[in-house]
Amino acid sequence: MVAMLAFVPKTTYQTDWKVPDADKNKANPLKGDAASVATGKALYATHCKSCHGAKGKGDGPKASQLDTECGDFTKDLAVQTDGALFYKTKVGRKDMPSFKKKIPEADDIWAVVNYMRTFK
């Protein structure tokens, strides 16, 4: 008898990641100005691009090695608050690492959020 392996689909970035209301409702203290976006872009290139891809489509070179989908920021971000994105970046879960030590300054994480908002 041949054993059948159950297919377990990748979990989705948006639907199964619950963010506490207090974090979800936090306002981004940074304006999405050119300086903030430039800082976010540099940090994204260093820390996020390998999984999330150059244009945020979840197609980075490491994405296929993960058990969780990276999400397509060109679609997923419209339904997420800045606070939720900040929380997910800072805290992490499963394949998504926590960046609270790699990007210790809160304003830098907010800058990454501002850069992510440029994806279309």
C-alpha atoms as a PDB file:
ATOM      1  CA  MET A   1       0.000   0.000   0.000  1.00  0.00           C
ATOM      2  CA  VAL A   2       1.323   3.426  -0.948  1.00  0.00           C
ATOM      3  CA  ALA A   3       1.111   6.116   1.682  1.00  0.00           C
ATOM      4  CA  MET A   4      -0.553   9.300   0.495  1.00  0.00           C
ATOM      5  CA  LEU A   5       0.904  12.601   1.589  1.00  0.00           C
ATOM      6  CA  ALA A   6      -1.636  15.262   2.318  1.00  0.00           C
ATOM      7  CA  PHE A   7      -1.232  18.477   0.371  1.00  0.00           C
ATOM      8  CA  VAL A   8      -0.896  21.368   2.759  1.00  0.00           C
ATOM      9  CA  PRO A   9      -1.284  24.682   0.961  1.00  0.00           C
ATOM     10  CA  LYS A  10       0.878  27.638   1.883  1.00  0.00           C
ATOM     11  CA  THR A  11      -0.788  29.912   4.372  1.00  0.00           C
ATOM     12  CA  THR A  12      -1.631  33.341   3.073  1.00  0.00           C
ATOM     13  CA  TYR A  13       0.019  36.545   4.136  1.00  0.00           C
ATOM     14  CA  GLN A  14      -3.169  38.508   4.697  1.00  0.00           C
ATOM     15  CA  THR A  15      -5.940  36.201   5.867  1.00  0.00           C
ATOM     16  CA  ASP A  16      -4.411  34.229   8.701  1.00  0.00           C
ATOM     17  CA  TRP A  17      -2.153  36.758  10.395  1.00  0.00           C
ATOM     18  CA  LYS A  18      -4.080  38.411  13.199  1.00  0.00           C
ATOM     19  CA  VAL A  19      -2.695  41.698  14.473  1.00  0.00           C
ATOM     20  CA  PRO A  20      -3.756  43.011  17.904  1.00  0.00           C
ATOM     21  CA  ASP A  21      -6.131  45.971  17.555  1.00  0.00           C
ATOM     22  CA  ALA A  22      -3.849  48.272  19.527  1.00  0.00           C
ATOM     23  CA  ASP A  23      -1.050  47.624  17.033  1.00  0.00           C
ATOM     24  CA  LYS A  24      -3.280  47.611  13.962  1.00  0.00           C
ATOM     25  CA  ASN A  25      -4.631  51.049  14.853  1.00  0.00           C
ATOM     26  CA  LYS A  26      -1.242  52.720  15.406  1.00  0.00           C
ATOM     27  CA  ALA A  27      -0.695  55.671  13.116  1.00  0.00           C
ATOM     28  CA  ASN A  28       2.485  56.035  11.114  1.00  0.00           C
ATOM     29  CA  PRO A  29       4.350  59.011  12.646  1.00  0.00           C
ATOM     30  CA  LEU A  30       6.355  59.578   9.448  1.00  0.00           C
ATOM     31  CA  LYS A  31       5.136  61.374   6.385  1.00  0.00           C
ATOM     32  CA  GLY A  32       5.574  59.363   3.210  1.00  0.00           C
ATOM     33  CA  ASP A  33       7.956  61.998   1.876  1.00  0.00           C
ATOM     34  CA  ALA A  34      10.933  61.371  -0.406  1.00  0.00           C
ATOM     35  CA  ALA A  35      13.436  61.068   2.460  1.00  0.00           C
ATOM     36  CA  SER A  36      11.365  58.515   4.349  1.00  0.00           C
ATOM     37  CA  VAL A  37      10.671  56.489   1.194  1.00  0.00           C
ATOM     38  CA  ALA A  38      14.384  56.532   0.291  1.00  0.00           C
ATOM     39  CA  THR A  39      15.321  55.247   3.759  1.00  0.00           C
ATOM     40  CA  GLY A  40      12.640  52.567   3.510  1.00  0.00           C
ATOM     41  CA  LYS A  41      13.781  51.543   0.036  1.00  0.00           C
ATOM     42  CA  ALA A  42      17.379  51.033   1.214  1.00  0.00           C
ATOM     43  CA  LEU A  43      16.263  48.973   4.218  1.00  0.00           C
ATOM     44  CA  TYR A  44      13.824  46.965   2.080  1.00  0.00           C
ATOM     45  CA  ALA A  45      16.613  46.154  -0.397  1.00  0.00           C
ATOM     46  CA  THR A  46      18.788  44.880   2.445  1.00  0.00           C
ATOM     47  CA  HIS A  47      16.231  42.984   4.509  1.00  0.00           C
ATOM     48  CA  CYS A  48      13.075  42.253   2.500  1.00  0.00           C
ATOM     49  CA  LYS A  49      13.780  42.021  -1.225  1.00  0.00           C
ATOM     50  CA  SER A  50      15.186  38.477  -1.156  1.00  0.00           C
ATOM     51  CA  CYS A  51      11.779  37.075  -0.201  1.00  0.00           C
ATOM     52  CA  HIS A  52       9.263  39.777  -1.123  1.00  0.00           C
ATOM     53  CA  GLY A  53      10.886  40.668  -4.453  1.00  0.00           C
ATOM     54  CA  ALA A  54      12.109  43.929  -5.952  1.00  0.00           C
ATOM     55  CA  LYS A  55       8.584  45.156  -6.669  1.00  0.00           C
ATOM     56  CA  GLY A  56       6.837  43.570  -3.661  1.00  0.00           C
ATOM     57  CA  LYS A  57       5.117  40.798  -5.599  1.00  0.00           C
ATOM     58  CA  GLY A  58       6.337  38.034  -3.253  1.00  0.00           C
ATOM     59  CA  ASP A  59       8.618  36.646  -5.948  1.00  0.00           C
ATOM     60  CA  GLY A  60      12.074  37.134  -4.473  1.00  0.00           C
ATOM     61  CA  PRO A  61      14.698  34.416  -5.015  1.00  0.00           C
ATOM     62  CA  LYS A  62      14.075  32.913  -1.548  1.00  0.00           C
ATOM     63  CA  ALA A  63      10.244  32.985  -1.748  1.00  0.00           C
ATOM     64  CA  SER A  64       9.887  29.504  -3.243  1.00  0.00           C
ATOM     65  CA  GLN A  65      11.814  28.000  -0.316  1.00  0.00           C
ATOM     66  CA  LEU A  66       9.299  29.251   2.260  1.00  0.00           C
ATOM     67  CA  ASP A  67       6.282  27.470   3.736  1.00  0.00           C
ATOM     68  CA  THR A  68       4.328  30.719   3.934  1.00  0.00           C
ATOM     69  CA  GLU A  69       3.402  32.961   1.030  1.00  0.00           C
ATOM     70  CA  CYS A  70       5.167  36.297   1.015  1.00  0.00           C
ATOM     71  CA  GLY A  71       2.079  38.044  -0.279  1.00  0.00           C
ATOM     72  CA  ASP A  72       1.790  40.415  -3.190  1.00  0.00           C
ATOM     73  CA  PHE A  73       2.136  43.903  -1.770  1.00  0.00           C
ATOM     74  CA  THR A  74       0.680  45.379  -4.953  1.00  0.00           C
ATOM     75  CA  LYS A  75      -2.626  43.787  -3.912  1.00  0.00           C
ATOM     76  CA  ASP A  76      -2.448  42.957  -0.193  1.00  0.00           C
ATOM     77  CA  LEU A  77      -1.474  46.361   1.164  1.00  0.00           C
ATOM     78  CA  ALA A  78      -4.723  48.084   0.272  1.00  0.00           C
ATOM     79  CA  VAL A  79      -6.516  46.195   3.038  1.00  0.00           C
ATOM     80  CA  GLN A  80      -3.836  46.574   5.713  1.00  0.00           C
ATOM     81  CA  THR A  81      -3.166  49.513   7.980  1.00  0.00           C
ATOM     82  CA  ASP A  82       0.274  50.999   8.442  1.00  0.00           C
ATOM     83  CA  GLY A  83       0.122  49.778  12.034  1.00  0.00           C
ATOM     84  CA  ALA A  84      -0.476  46.198  10.899  1.00  0.00           C
ATOM     85  CA  LEU A  85       2.466  46.349   8.494  1.00  0.00           C
ATOM     86  CA  PHE A  86       4.697  47.808  11.207  1.00  0.00           C
ATOM     87  CA  TYR A  87       3.650  45.047  13.629  1.00  0.00           C
ATOM     88  CA  LYS A  88       4.230  42.255  11.114  1.00  0.00           C
ATOM     89  CA  THR A  89       7.657  43.606  10.212  1.00  0.00           C
ATOM     90  CA  LYS A  90       8.725  44.119  13.809  1.00  0.00           C
ATOM     91  CA  VAL A  91       7.310  40.939  15.357  1.00  0.00           C
ATOM     92  CA  GLY A  92       7.417  38.430  12.491  1.00  0.00           C
ATOM     93  CA  ARG A  93       6.070  34.885  12.568  1.00  0.00           C
ATOM     94  CA  LYS A  94       6.761  31.546  10.929  1.00  0.00           C
ATOM     95  CA  ASP A  95       9.033  32.157   7.899  1.00  0.00           C
ATOM     96  CA  MET A  96       8.836  35.929   8.348  1.00  0.00           C
ATOM     97  CA  PRO A  97      11.596  36.843  10.792  1.00  0.00           C
ATOM     98  CA  SER A  98      11.275  39.497  13.458  1.00  0.00           C
ATOM     99  CA  PHE A  99      13.120  42.655  12.531  1.00  0.00           C
ATOM    100  CA  LYS A 100      13.117  44.297  15.963  1.00  0.00           C
ATOM    101  CA  LYS A 101      16.854  43.593  16.286  1.00  0.00           C
ATOM    102  CA  LYS A 102      17.852  43.938  12.622  1.00  0.00           C
ATOM    103  CA  ILE A 103      15.974  47.244  12.267  1.00  0.00           C
ATOM    104  CA  PRO A 104      15.914  48.462  15.895  1.00  0.00           C
ATOM    105  CA  GLU A 105      14.777  52.045  15.219  1.00  0.00           C
ATOM    106  CA  ALA A 106      10.992  52.292  15.008  1.00  0.00           C
ATOM    107  CA  ASP A 107      11.215  55.178  12.527  1.00  0.00           C
ATOM    108  CA  ASP A 108      13.194  52.948  10.177  1.00  0.00           C
ATOM    109  CA  ILE A 109      10.448  50.303  10.218  1.00  0.00           C
ATOM    110  CA  TRP A 110       7.882  53.044   9.577  1.00  0.00           C
ATOM    111  CA  ALA A 111      10.047  54.148   6.625  1.00  0.00           C
ATOM    112  CA  VAL A 112       9.911  50.597   5.229  1.00  0.00           C
ATOM    113  CA  VAL A 113       6.121  50.767   5.543  1.00  0.00           C
ATOM    114  CA  ASN A 114       6.160  54.045   3.600  1.00  0.00           C
ATOM    115  CA  TYR A 115       8.271  52.444   0.882  1.00  0.00           C
ATOM    116  CA  MET A 116       5.959  49.422   0.727  1.00  0.00           C
ATOM    117  CA  ARG A 117       3.080  51.825   0.079  1.00  0.00           C
ATOM    118  CA  THR A 118       4.765  52.819  -3.198  1.00  0.00           C
ATOM    119  CA  PHE A 119       4.200  49.365  -4.709  1.00  0.00           C
ATOM    120  CA  LYS A 120       1.481  49.324  -7.337  1.00  0.00           C
END
